[in-house]
Amino acid sequence: MQQLSTMQITISADQAKTIAQAIREGMWEWHIYLGYALAFLVLYRIVLFFVDSSKKESFNSLTLHKKMVKLSYYLFYALIFFMSVSGLVLEFHESLSLAKDTAHDIKEVHEFVYNFFLFFVPAHIIGVVIADNGDEQGLTSTMINGKA
């Protein structure tokens, strides 16, 4: 309403709300589509974890740094799994006959867990750059093409 008033256009609060909802609707559609894609990718990654045993090392043979990295990935996958499942539950809460309060609580936790990714993604990128320029040269190429 404030932006429109600078252009000498006046609208009511109800009209502003309707416009804002129309703008957000398309955004939420993409959020849902990307959520479906994420759920599929998580499922695919879980299948790969159990099927491809060629790259598994003994946890005890790893350095402390590698153990911490591996544990952070397990945390990442657990949280991304939670995000996928909770997103699907939120999308289908009516079909699942969930109470509105329960759906709201799941939404709150879903949004809270998102904050982990706001920290993890930049930390991961910084860590990869440092490792690639340090003792793990070629790490970025290996991550992209999958070949060691």
C-alpha atoms as a PDB file:
ATOM      1  CA  MET A   1       0.000   0.000   0.000  1.00  0.00           C
ATOM      2  CA  GLN A   2       2.872   2.355   0.829  1.00  0.00           C
ATOM      3  CA  GLN A   3       4.600   1.726  -2.505  1.00  0.00           C
ATOM      4  CA  LEU A   4       1.392   2.383  -4.404  1.00  0.00           C
ATOM      5  CA  SER A   5       0.703   5.558  -2.426  1.00  0.00           C
ATOM      6  CA  THR A   6       4.003   7.012  -3.674  1.00  0.00           C
ATOM      7  CA  MET A   7       2.520   6.681  -7.181  1.00  0.00           C
ATOM      8  CA  GLN A   8      -0.733   8.337  -6.033  1.00  0.00           C
ATOM      9  CA  ILE A   9      -2.612   5.026  -6.138  1.00  0.00           C
ATOM     10  CA  THR A  10      -4.798   4.230  -3.170  1.00  0.00           C
ATOM     11  CA  ILE A  11      -6.112   0.762  -2.389  1.00  0.00           C
ATOM     12  CA  SER A  12      -7.809  -0.734   0.623  1.00  0.00           C
ATOM     13  CA  ALA A  13      -6.151  -3.157   3.035  1.00  0.00           C
ATOM     14  CA  ASP A  14      -8.335  -5.976   1.662  1.00  0.00           C
ATOM     15  CA  GLN A  15      -7.227  -5.211  -1.887  1.00  0.00           C
ATOM     16  CA  ALA A  16      -3.574  -5.140  -0.809  1.00  0.00           C
ATOM     17  CA  LYS A  17      -4.011  -8.492   0.916  1.00  0.00           C
ATOM     18  CA  THR A  18      -5.574 -10.012  -2.216  1.00  0.00           C
ATOM     19  CA  ILE A  19      -2.687  -8.757  -4.376  1.00  0.00           C
ATOM     20  CA  ALA A  20      -0.081 -10.082  -1.916  1.00  0.00           C
ATOM     21  CA  GLN A  21      -1.768 -13.497  -1.824  1.00  0.00           C
ATOM     22  CA  ALA A  22      -1.819 -13.658  -5.627  1.00  0.00           C
ATOM     23  CA  ILE A  23       1.910 -12.915  -5.749  1.00  0.00           C
ATOM     24  CA  ARG A  24       2.736 -15.497  -3.070  1.00  0.00           C
ATOM     25  CA  GLU A  25       0.585 -18.198  -4.684  1.00  0.00           C
ATOM     26  CA  GLY A  26       3.004 -18.745  -7.566  1.00  0.00           C
ATOM     27  CA  MET A  27       5.924 -18.722  -5.170  1.00  0.00           C
ATOM     28  CA  TRP A  28       4.292 -21.436  -3.039  1.00  0.00           C
ATOM     29  CA  GLU A  29       3.647 -23.556  -6.129  1.00  0.00           C
ATOM     30  CA  TRP A  30       7.392 -23.556  -6.842  1.00  0.00           C
ATOM     31  CA  HIS A  31       8.124 -24.290  -3.190  1.00  0.00           C
ATOM     32  CA  ILE A  32       5.883 -27.357  -3.386  1.00  0.00           C
ATOM     33  CA  TYR A  33       7.333 -28.563  -6.717  1.00  0.00           C
ATOM     34  CA  LEU A  34      10.877 -28.184  -5.409  1.00  0.00           C
ATOM     35  CA  GLY A  35       9.803 -30.014  -2.248  1.00  0.00           C
ATOM     36  CA  TYR A  36       8.611 -32.960  -4.334  1.00  0.00           C
ATOM     37  CA  ALA A  37      11.921 -32.937  -6.198  1.00  0.00           C
ATOM     38  CA  LEU A  38      13.817 -32.827  -2.903  1.00  0.00           C
ATOM     39  CA  ALA A  39      11.806 -35.755  -1.514  1.00  0.00           C
ATOM     40  CA  PHE A  40      12.598 -37.769  -4.649  1.00  0.00           C
ATOM     41  CA  LEU A  41      16.317 -36.916  -4.434  1.00  0.00           C
ATOM     42  CA  VAL A  42      16.429 -37.846  -0.743  1.00  0.00           C
ATOM     43  CA  LEU A  43      14.791 -41.179  -1.510  1.00  0.00           C
ATOM     44  CA  TYR A  44      17.260 -41.724  -4.377  1.00  0.00           C
ATOM     45  CA  ARG A  45      20.199 -40.889  -2.064  1.00  0.00           C
ATOM     46  CA  ILE A  46      18.959 -43.333   0.574  1.00  0.00           C
ATOM     47  CA  VAL A  47      18.743 -46.088  -2.044  1.00  0.00           C
ATOM     48  CA  LEU A  48      22.270 -45.251  -3.264  1.00  0.00           C
ATOM     49  CA  PHE A  49      23.603 -45.361   0.291  1.00  0.00           C
ATOM     50  CA  PHE A  50      22.417 -48.940   0.752  1.00  0.00           C
ATOM     51  CA  VAL A  51      23.167 -50.150  -2.790  1.00  0.00           C
ATOM     52  CA  ASP A  52      26.611 -48.615  -3.431  1.00  0.00           C
ATOM     53  CA  SER A  53      29.037 -49.959  -0.853  1.00  0.00           C
ATOM     54  CA  SER A  54      32.177 -49.233  -2.909  1.00  0.00           C
ATOM     55  CA  LYS A  55      33.008 -45.922  -1.199  1.00  0.00           C
ATOM     56  CA  LYS A  56      32.356 -46.917   2.408  1.00  0.00           C
ATOM     57  CA  GLU A  57      35.337 -46.658   4.735  1.00  0.00           C
ATOM     58  CA  SER A  58      35.592 -47.941   8.266  1.00  0.00           C
ATOM     59  CA  PHE A  59      34.580 -45.113  10.592  1.00  0.00           C
ATOM     60  CA  ASN A  60      37.382 -46.070  13.012  1.00  0.00           C
ATOM     61  CA  SER A  61      40.067 -45.620  10.343  1.00  0.00           C
ATOM     62  CA  LEU A  62      39.159 -41.978   9.728  1.00  0.00           C
ATOM     63  CA  THR A  63      40.885 -38.949  11.217  1.00  0.00           C
ATOM     64  CA  LEU A  64      38.980 -36.847  13.739  1.00  0.00           C
ATOM     65  CA  HIS A  65      38.363 -34.205  11.068  1.00  0.00           C
ATOM     66  CA  LYS A  66      36.941 -36.789   8.637  1.00  0.00           C
ATOM     67  CA  LYS A  67      34.764 -38.250  11.404  1.00  0.00           C
ATOM     68  CA  MET A  68      33.333 -34.798  12.135  1.00  0.00           C
ATOM     69  CA  VAL A  69      32.715 -34.217   8.417  1.00  0.00           C
ATOM     70  CA  LYS A  70      30.990 -37.593   8.116  1.00  0.00           C
ATOM     71  CA  LEU A  71      28.853 -36.916  11.208  1.00  0.00           C
ATOM     72  CA  SER A  72      27.863 -33.510   9.828  1.00  0.00           C
ATOM     73  CA  TYR A  73      26.729 -35.218   6.617  1.00  0.00           C
ATOM     74  CA  TYR A  74      24.656 -37.697   8.598  1.00  0.00           C
ATOM     75  CA  LEU A  75      23.081 -34.754  10.420  1.00  0.00           C
ATOM     76  CA  PHE A  76      22.518 -33.033   7.066  1.00  0.00           C
ATOM     77  CA  TYR A  77      20.804 -36.093   5.592  1.00  0.00           C
ATOM     78  CA  ALA A  78      18.691 -36.632   8.711  1.00  0.00           C
ATOM     79  CA  LEU A  79      17.512 -33.036   8.622  1.00  0.00           C
ATOM     80  CA  ILE A  80      16.927 -33.013   4.865  1.00  0.00           C
ATOM     81  CA  PHE A  81      14.923 -36.227   5.316  1.00  0.00           C
ATOM     82  CA  PHE A  82      12.907 -34.514   8.050  1.00  0.00           C
ATOM     83  CA  MET A  83      12.359 -31.468   5.817  1.00  0.00           C
ATOM     84  CA  SER A  84      11.099 -33.700   3.012  1.00  0.00           C
ATOM     85  CA  VAL A  85       8.772 -35.742   5.197  1.00  0.00           C
ATOM     86  CA  SER A  86       7.458 -32.759   7.142  1.00  0.00           C
ATOM     87  CA  GLY A  87       6.887 -30.851   3.891  1.00  0.00           C
ATOM     88  CA  LEU A  88       4.926 -33.759   2.453  1.00  0.00           C
ATOM     89  CA  VAL A  89       2.929 -34.052   5.679  1.00  0.00           C
ATOM     90  CA  LEU A  90       2.131 -30.337   5.492  1.00  0.00           C
ATOM     91  CA  GLU A  91       1.101 -30.648   1.848  1.00  0.00           C
ATOM     92  CA  PHE A  92      -1.210 -33.584   2.588  1.00  0.00           C
ATOM     93  CA  HIS A  93      -2.274 -32.696   6.142  1.00  0.00           C
ATOM     94  CA  GLU A  94      -5.958 -32.661   5.219  1.00  0.00           C
ATOM     95  CA  SER A  95      -5.770 -36.072   3.534  1.00  0.00           C
ATOM     96  CA  LEU A  96      -3.931 -37.391   6.578  1.00  0.00           C
ATOM     97  CA  SER A  97      -6.662 -35.968   8.857  1.00  0.00           C
ATOM     98  CA  LEU A  98      -4.145 -34.018  10.912  1.00  0.00           C
ATOM     99  CA  ALA A  99      -5.469 -31.488  13.364  1.00  0.00           C
ATOM    100  CA  LYS A 100      -4.829 -27.881  12.409  1.00  0.00           C
ATOM    101  CA  ASP A 101      -2.744 -27.354  15.579  1.00  0.00           C
ATOM    102  CA  THR A 102      -0.595 -30.395  14.772  1.00  0.00           C
ATOM    103  CA  ALA A 103      -0.005 -29.153  11.221  1.00  0.00           C
ATOM    104  CA  HIS A 104       0.915 -25.749  12.630  1.00  0.00           C
ATOM    105  CA  ASP A 105       3.427 -27.309  15.049  1.00  0.00           C
ATOM    106  CA  ILE A 106       5.001 -29.336  12.229  1.00  0.00           C
ATOM    107  CA  LYS A 107       5.207 -26.157  10.134  1.00  0.00           C
ATOM    108  CA  GLU A 108       6.990 -24.345  12.963  1.00  0.00           C
ATOM    109  CA  VAL A 109       9.600 -27.111  13.300  1.00  0.00           C
ATOM    110  CA  HIS A 110       9.913 -27.322   9.487  1.00  0.00           C
ATOM    111  CA  GLU A 111      10.734 -23.601   9.388  1.00  0.00           C
ATOM    112  CA  PHE A 112      13.114 -23.859  12.377  1.00  0.00           C
ATOM    113  CA  VAL A 113      15.102 -26.701  10.784  1.00  0.00           C
ATOM    114  CA  TYR A 114      15.463 -24.584   7.637  1.00  0.00           C
ATOM    115  CA  ASN A 115      17.760 -22.326   9.673  1.00  0.00           C
ATOM    116  CA  PHE A 116      20.295 -25.176   9.880  1.00  0.00           C
ATOM    117  CA  PHE A 117      20.615 -25.077   6.091  1.00  0.00           C
ATOM    118  CA  LEU A 118      21.187 -21.334   6.141  1.00  0.00           C
ATOM    119  CA  PHE A 119      24.311 -22.101   8.184  1.00  0.00           C
ATOM    120  CA  PHE A 120      25.302 -25.437   6.657  1.00  0.00           C
ATOM    121  CA  VAL A 121      25.330 -24.483   2.961  1.00  0.00           C
ATOM    122  CA  PRO A 122      27.769 -21.536   3.256  1.00  0.00           C
ATOM    123  CA  ALA A 123      29.895 -23.486   5.763  1.00  0.00           C
ATOM    124  CA  HIS A 124      29.995 -26.431   3.349  1.00  0.00           C
ATOM    125  CA  ILE A 125      31.017 -24.245   0.412  1.00  0.00           C
ATOM    126  CA  ILE A 126      33.743 -22.560   2.468  1.00  0.00           C
ATOM    127  CA  GLY A 127      34.961 -25.953   3.718  1.00  0.00           C
ATOM    128  CA  VAL A 128      35.101 -27.377   0.196  1.00  0.00           C
ATOM    129  CA  VAL A 129      37.060 -24.366  -1.091  1.00  0.00           C
ATOM    130  CA  ILE A 130      39.520 -24.614   1.802  1.00  0.00           C
ATOM    131  CA  ALA A 131      39.942 -28.378   1.361  1.00  0.00           C
ATOM    132  CA  ASP A 132      40.307 -28.083  -2.423  1.00  0.00           C
ATOM    133  CA  ASN A 133      43.027 -25.474  -1.994  1.00  0.00           C
ATOM    134  CA  GLY A 134      44.666 -27.463   0.789  1.00  0.00           C
ATOM    135  CA  ASP A 135      45.392 -31.159   1.162  1.00  0.00           C
ATOM    136  CA  GLU A 136      42.415 -32.443  -0.870  1.00  0.00           C
ATOM    137  CA  GLN A 137      43.133 -30.953  -4.281  1.00  0.00           C
ATOM    138  CA  GLY A 138      40.607 -31.984  -6.910  1.00  0.00           C
ATOM    139  CA  LEU A 139      37.814 -32.351  -4.373  1.00  0.00           C
ATOM    140  CA  THR A 140      35.502 -30.011  -6.286  1.00  0.00           C
ATOM    141  CA  SER A 141      36.024 -31.931  -9.531  1.00  0.00           C
ATOM    142  CA  THR A 142      35.348 -35.200  -7.736  1.00  0.00           C
ATOM    143  CA  MET A 143      32.126 -33.786  -6.276  1.00  0.00           C
ATOM    144  CA  ILE A 144      30.950 -32.639  -9.703  1.00  0.00           C
ATOM    145  CA  ASN A 145      31.826 -35.659 -11.835  1.00  0.00           C
ATOM    146  CA  GLY A 146      31.698 -38.340  -9.118  1.00  0.00           C
ATOM    147  CA  LYS A 147      35.043 -39.847 -10.088  1.00  0.00           C
ATOM    148  CA  ALA A 148      37.864 -40.170  -7.601  1.00  0.00           C
END
